Amino acid sequence: MDLPQYFRTLARYNRIVNQRLFERCAQLDESEYRKPRPGSLGSIHGLLNHILLGDRIWMARFEGGEHSTPALNTVLFDNFSELRSARIEQDQRIEEFFEHLPPNFFSHVFRYTNNQGKEYEEQATIAVGHFFNHQTHHRGQVHVMLSQTPVPPPSLDLHRVINP
């Protein structure tokens, strides 16, 4: 499997596991979904918003757009159903982008300012690797938070999702 195909696989995996997580989160009552919990961003709702925010930030960079970074605890959608719809749209955008990578995409260097005002430059392969790793890292945190609720978390193992 070459690098573009690997990233297309990760884009597909991203869509599938996000669907699984949102299906389970939809089963939670509002208090469990928003309950403050130890860990990044304080709740399932906060983490799901953060994952979407991170995806939007990086996709804008990959597509040649925005170079600045908003506050990483920005809540994009306070309503679960709106967040879920935006997640579905974002996952379609990610899959489409990686299915049709621009020529020489992996030779790009992305310049941006992080949320603390520091300037960075990232090679495309590292930036894309981080993009997918960031999703996985925070979905793992959502998985742990779900395990603290009456709704069991879904399987998120890459090899079980891609080759069931």
C-alpha atoms as a PDB file:
ATOM      1  CA  MET A   1       0.000   0.000   0.000  1.00  0.00           C
ATOM      2  CA  ASP A   2       1.468   3.359  -0.983  1.00  0.00           C
ATOM      3  CA  LEU A   3       1.189   6.525   1.121  1.00  0.00           C
ATOM      4  CA  PRO A   4      -1.826   8.059  -0.662  1.00  0.00           C
ATOM      5  CA  GLN A   5      -3.704   4.750  -0.395  1.00  0.00           C
ATOM      6  CA  TYR A   6      -2.822   4.482   3.292  1.00  0.00           C
ATOM      7  CA  PHE A   7      -4.221   7.952   3.965  1.00  0.00           C
ATOM      8  CA  ARG A   8      -7.360   7.111   1.954  1.00  0.00           C
ATOM      9  CA  THR A   9      -7.741   4.061   4.211  1.00  0.00           C
ATOM     10  CA  LEU A  10      -7.418   6.268   7.283  1.00  0.00           C
ATOM     11  CA  ALA A  11     -10.004   8.691   5.870  1.00  0.00           C
ATOM     12  CA  ARG A  12     -12.432   5.795   5.403  1.00  0.00           C
ATOM     13  CA  TYR A  13     -11.638   4.484   8.901  1.00  0.00           C
ATOM     14  CA  ASN A  14     -12.226   7.981  10.304  1.00  0.00           C
ATOM     15  CA  ARG A  15     -15.715   8.114   8.775  1.00  0.00           C
ATOM     16  CA  ILE A  16     -16.716   4.651   9.977  1.00  0.00           C
ATOM     17  CA  VAL A  17     -15.550   5.066  13.573  1.00  0.00           C
ATOM     18  CA  ASN A  18     -17.066   8.527  13.836  1.00  0.00           C
ATOM     19  CA  GLN A  19     -20.385   7.012  12.761  1.00  0.00           C
ATOM     20  CA  ARG A  20     -19.991   4.338  15.429  1.00  0.00           C
ATOM     21  CA  LEU A  21     -19.147   6.835  18.161  1.00  0.00           C
ATOM     22  CA  PHE A  22     -21.991   9.178  17.268  1.00  0.00           C
ATOM     23  CA  GLU A  23     -24.457   6.262  17.175  1.00  0.00           C
ATOM     24  CA  ARG A  24     -23.481   5.377  20.728  1.00  0.00           C
ATOM     25  CA  CYS A  25     -23.428   8.989  21.922  1.00  0.00           C
ATOM     26  CA  ALA A  26     -26.946   9.453  20.516  1.00  0.00           C
ATOM     27  CA  GLN A  27     -28.077   6.791  23.015  1.00  0.00           C
ATOM     28  CA  LEU A  28     -26.897   8.840  25.986  1.00  0.00           C
ATOM     29  CA  ASP A  29     -29.265  11.069  27.880  1.00  0.00           C
ATOM     30  CA  GLU A  30     -28.280  14.731  27.852  1.00  0.00           C
ATOM     31  CA  SER A  31     -26.829  14.706  31.371  1.00  0.00           C
ATOM     32  CA  GLU A  32     -24.491  11.772  30.631  1.00  0.00           C
ATOM     33  CA  TYR A  33     -23.464  13.280  27.304  1.00  0.00           C
ATOM     34  CA  ARG A  34     -22.520  16.638  28.872  1.00  0.00           C
ATOM     35  CA  LYS A  35     -21.362  15.347  32.250  1.00  0.00           C
ATOM     36  CA  PRO A  36     -18.013  16.825  33.299  1.00  0.00           C
ATOM     37  CA  ARG A  37     -15.376  14.084  33.185  1.00  0.00           C
ATOM     38  CA  PRO A  38     -11.639  13.988  33.818  1.00  0.00           C
ATOM     39  CA  GLY A  39      -9.633  14.289  30.636  1.00  0.00           C
ATOM     40  CA  SER A  40      -9.207  16.593  27.686  1.00  0.00           C
ATOM     41  CA  LEU A  41     -11.935  19.157  27.135  1.00  0.00           C
ATOM     42  CA  GLY A  42     -14.011  17.970  30.074  1.00  0.00           C
ATOM     43  CA  SER A  43     -16.889  16.062  28.455  1.00  0.00           C
ATOM     44  CA  ILE A  44     -17.901  13.878  25.562  1.00  0.00           C
ATOM     45  CA  HIS A  45     -19.523  16.912  23.968  1.00  0.00           C
ATOM     46  CA  GLY A  46     -16.346  18.970  24.369  1.00  0.00           C
ATOM     47  CA  LEU A  47     -14.187  16.243  22.831  1.00  0.00           C
ATOM     48  CA  LEU A  48     -16.479  15.666  19.849  1.00  0.00           C
ATOM     49  CA  ASN A  49     -16.447  19.405  19.140  1.00  0.00           C
ATOM     50  CA  HIS A  50     -12.653  19.504  19.479  1.00  0.00           C
ATOM     51  CA  ILE A  51     -12.135  16.641  17.029  1.00  0.00           C
ATOM     52  CA  LEU A  52     -14.312  18.407  14.466  1.00  0.00           C
ATOM     53  CA  LEU A  53     -12.520  21.702  15.097  1.00  0.00           C
ATOM     54  CA  GLY A  54      -9.129  20.066  14.578  1.00  0.00           C
ATOM     55  CA  ASP A  55     -10.315  18.435  11.374  1.00  0.00           C
ATOM     56  CA  ARG A  56     -11.600  21.744  10.051  1.00  0.00           C
ATOM     57  CA  ILE A  57      -8.359  23.529  10.912  1.00  0.00           C
ATOM     58  CA  TRP A  58      -6.158  20.976   9.168  1.00  0.00           C
ATOM     59  CA  MET A  59      -8.424  20.505   6.168  1.00  0.00           C
ATOM     60  CA  ALA A  60      -8.433  24.278   5.601  1.00  0.00           C
ATOM     61  CA  ARG A  61      -4.639  24.170   5.589  1.00  0.00           C
ATOM     62  CA  PHE A  62      -4.532  21.177   3.270  1.00  0.00           C
ATOM     63  CA  GLU A  63      -6.889  22.956   0.875  1.00  0.00           C
ATOM     64  CA  GLY A  64      -4.748  26.106   0.874  1.00  0.00           C
ATOM     65  CA  GLY A  65      -6.867  28.192   3.214  1.00  0.00           C
ATOM     66  CA  GLU A  66      -6.669  29.414   6.791  1.00  0.00           C
ATOM     67  CA  HIS A  67      -3.280  29.617   8.494  1.00  0.00           C
ATOM     68  CA  SER A  68      -4.285  30.725  11.998  1.00  0.00           C
ATOM     69  CA  THR A  69      -5.581  28.527  14.806  1.00  0.00           C
ATOM     70  CA  PRO A  70      -8.613  29.390  16.979  1.00  0.00           C
ATOM     71  CA  ALA A  71      -8.900  28.460  20.642  1.00  0.00           C
ATOM     72  CA  LEU A  72      -8.824  24.669  20.824  1.00  0.00           C
ATOM     73  CA  ASN A  73     -11.770  24.502  23.230  1.00  0.00           C
ATOM     74  CA  THR A  74     -14.053  26.317  20.772  1.00  0.00           C
ATOM     75  CA  VAL A  75     -17.524  24.786  20.763  1.00  0.00           C
ATOM     76  CA  LEU A  76     -18.650  24.752  17.145  1.00  0.00           C
ATOM     77  CA  PHE A  77     -22.086  23.262  17.839  1.00  0.00           C
ATOM     78  CA  ASP A  78     -23.898  23.223  21.147  1.00  0.00           C
ATOM     79  CA  ASN A  79     -26.648  20.978  19.761  1.00  0.00           C
ATOM     80  CA  PHE A  80     -25.776  17.263  19.355  1.00  0.00           C
ATOM     81  CA  SER A  81     -27.792  16.736  16.160  1.00  0.00           C
ATOM     82  CA  GLU A  82     -26.157  19.762  14.492  1.00  0.00           C
ATOM     83  CA  LEU A  83     -22.722  18.522  15.598  1.00  0.00           C
ATOM     84  CA  ARG A  84     -23.505  15.077  14.202  1.00  0.00           C
ATOM     85  CA  SER A  85     -24.610  16.523  10.852  1.00  0.00           C
ATOM     86  CA  ALA A  86     -21.468  18.647  10.659  1.00  0.00           C
ATOM     87  CA  ARG A  87     -19.367  15.574  11.484  1.00  0.00           C
ATOM     88  CA  ILE A  88     -20.957  13.629   8.626  1.00  0.00           C
ATOM     89  CA  GLU A  89     -20.293  16.487   6.200  1.00  0.00           C
ATOM     90  CA  GLN A  90     -16.698  16.848   7.407  1.00  0.00           C
ATOM     91  CA  ASP A  91     -16.026  13.134   7.023  1.00  0.00           C
ATOM     92  CA  GLN A  92     -17.331  13.236   3.454  1.00  0.00           C
ATOM     93  CA  ARG A  93     -15.055  16.212   2.775  1.00  0.00           C
ATOM     94  CA  ILE A  94     -12.042  14.352   4.210  1.00  0.00           C
ATOM     95  CA  GLU A  95     -12.677  11.214   2.156  1.00  0.00           C
ATOM     96  CA  GLU A  96     -13.214  13.217  -1.009  1.00  0.00           C
ATOM     97  CA  PHE A  97     -10.037  15.217  -0.483  1.00  0.00           C
ATOM     98  CA  PHE A  98      -7.846  12.166   0.064  1.00  0.00           C
ATOM     99  CA  GLU A  99      -9.492  10.344  -2.826  1.00  0.00           C
ATOM    100  CA  HIS A 100      -8.448  13.179  -5.151  1.00  0.00           C
ATOM    101  CA  LEU A 101      -5.188  14.490  -3.701  1.00  0.00           C
ATOM    102  CA  PRO A 102      -3.763  17.473  -5.557  1.00  0.00           C
ATOM    103  CA  PRO A 103      -0.665  16.756  -7.649  1.00  0.00           C
ATOM    104  CA  ASN A 104       2.527  16.975  -5.603  1.00  0.00           C
ATOM    105  CA  PHE A 105       0.512  17.295  -2.385  1.00  0.00           C
ATOM    106  CA  PHE A 106       3.154  15.460  -0.364  1.00  0.00           C
ATOM    107  CA  SER A 107       5.837  17.948  -1.409  1.00  0.00           C
ATOM    108  CA  HIS A 108       3.936  20.821   0.251  1.00  0.00           C
ATOM    109  CA  VAL A 109       5.049  22.587   3.398  1.00  0.00           C
ATOM    110  CA  PHE A 110       2.246  24.031   5.507  1.00  0.00           C
ATOM    111  CA  ARG A 111       2.941  27.276   7.318  1.00  0.00           C
ATOM    112  CA  TYR A 112       0.603  28.249  10.121  1.00  0.00           C
ATOM    113  CA  THR A 113       0.273  29.974  13.472  1.00  0.00           C
ATOM    114  CA  ASN A 114      -0.774  27.788  16.380  1.00  0.00           C
ATOM    115  CA  ASN A 115      -3.308  28.784  19.037  1.00  0.00           C
ATOM    116  CA  GLN A 116      -0.548  30.371  21.129  1.00  0.00           C
ATOM    117  CA  GLY A 117       0.715  32.584  18.303  1.00  0.00           C
ATOM    118  CA  LYS A 118       3.792  30.515  17.432  1.00  0.00           C
ATOM    119  CA  GLU A 119       4.713  30.091  13.756  1.00  0.00           C
ATOM    120  CA  TYR A 120       5.238  26.567  12.423  1.00  0.00           C
ATOM    121  CA  GLU A 121       6.121  24.788   9.201  1.00  0.00           C
ATOM    122  CA  GLU A 122       5.128  21.156   8.668  1.00  0.00           C
ATOM    123  CA  GLN A 123       5.918  18.799   5.821  1.00  0.00           C
ATOM    124  CA  ALA A 124       2.732  17.393   4.297  1.00  0.00           C
ATOM    125  CA  THR A 125       3.376  13.796   5.361  1.00  0.00           C
ATOM    126  CA  ILE A 126       3.911  14.826   9.000  1.00  0.00           C
ATOM    127  CA  ALA A 127       0.908  17.177   8.944  1.00  0.00           C
ATOM    128  CA  VAL A 128      -1.383  14.470   7.532  1.00  0.00           C
ATOM    129  CA  GLY A 129       0.004  11.902   9.947  1.00  0.00           C
ATOM    130  CA  HIS A 130      -0.745  14.286  12.811  1.00  0.00           C
ATOM    131  CA  PHE A 131      -4.220  14.985  11.416  1.00  0.00           C
ATOM    132  CA  PHE A 132      -5.204  11.314  11.577  1.00  0.00           C
ATOM    133  CA  ASN A 133      -3.333  10.679  14.838  1.00  0.00           C
ATOM    134  CA  HIS A 134      -5.119  13.615  16.493  1.00  0.00           C
ATOM    135  CA  GLN A 135      -8.502  12.130  15.586  1.00  0.00           C
ATOM    136  CA  THR A 136      -7.541   8.710  16.918  1.00  0.00           C
ATOM    137  CA  HIS A 137      -6.100  10.107  20.134  1.00  0.00           C
ATOM    138  CA  HIS A 138      -9.235  12.041  21.039  1.00  0.00           C
ATOM    139  CA  ARG A 139     -11.642   9.335  19.881  1.00  0.00           C
ATOM    140  CA  GLY A 140      -9.828   7.081  22.346  1.00  0.00           C
ATOM    141  CA  GLN A 141     -10.656   9.592  25.064  1.00  0.00           C
ATOM    142  CA  VAL A 142     -14.320   9.623  23.998  1.00  0.00           C
ATOM    143  CA  HIS A 143     -14.197   5.815  24.113  1.00  0.00           C
ATOM    144  CA  VAL A 144     -12.969   5.922  27.723  1.00  0.00           C
ATOM    145  CA  MET A 145     -15.639   8.462  28.677  1.00  0.00           C
ATOM    146  CA  LEU A 146     -18.337   6.312  27.050  1.00  0.00           C
ATOM    147  CA  SER A 147     -17.131   3.342  29.113  1.00  0.00           C
ATOM    148  CA  GLN A 148     -18.092   5.377  32.195  1.00  0.00           C
ATOM    149  CA  THR A 149     -21.725   5.549  31.027  1.00  0.00           C
ATOM    150  CA  PRO A 150     -24.517   2.979  30.651  1.00  0.00           C
ATOM    151  CA  VAL A 151     -23.811   2.924  26.869  1.00  0.00           C
ATOM    152  CA  PRO A 152     -20.896   0.644  25.968  1.00  0.00           C
ATOM    153  CA  PRO A 153     -18.292   2.094  23.594  1.00  0.00           C
ATOM    154  CA  PRO A 154     -17.963   0.586  20.107  1.00  0.00           C
ATOM    155  CA  SER A 155     -14.930  -1.226  18.744  1.00  0.00           C
ATOM    156  CA  LEU A 156     -12.565   1.244  17.092  1.00  0.00           C
ATOM    157  CA  ASP A 157      -9.722  -1.117  16.132  1.00  0.00           C
ATOM    158  CA  LEU A 158      -8.467  -0.199  12.655  1.00  0.00           C
ATOM    159  CA  HIS A 159      -7.985  -3.747  11.448  1.00  0.00           C
ATOM    160  CA  ARG A 160     -11.463  -4.771  12.653  1.00  0.00           C
ATOM    161  CA  VAL A 161     -13.142  -1.732  11.108  1.00  0.00           C
ATOM    162  CA  ILE A 162     -11.447  -1.858   7.698  1.00  0.00           C
ATOM    163  CA  ASN A 163     -11.504  -5.684   7.406  1.00  0.00           C
ATOM    164  CA  PRO A 164     -14.512  -6.797   9.495  1.00  0.00           C
END
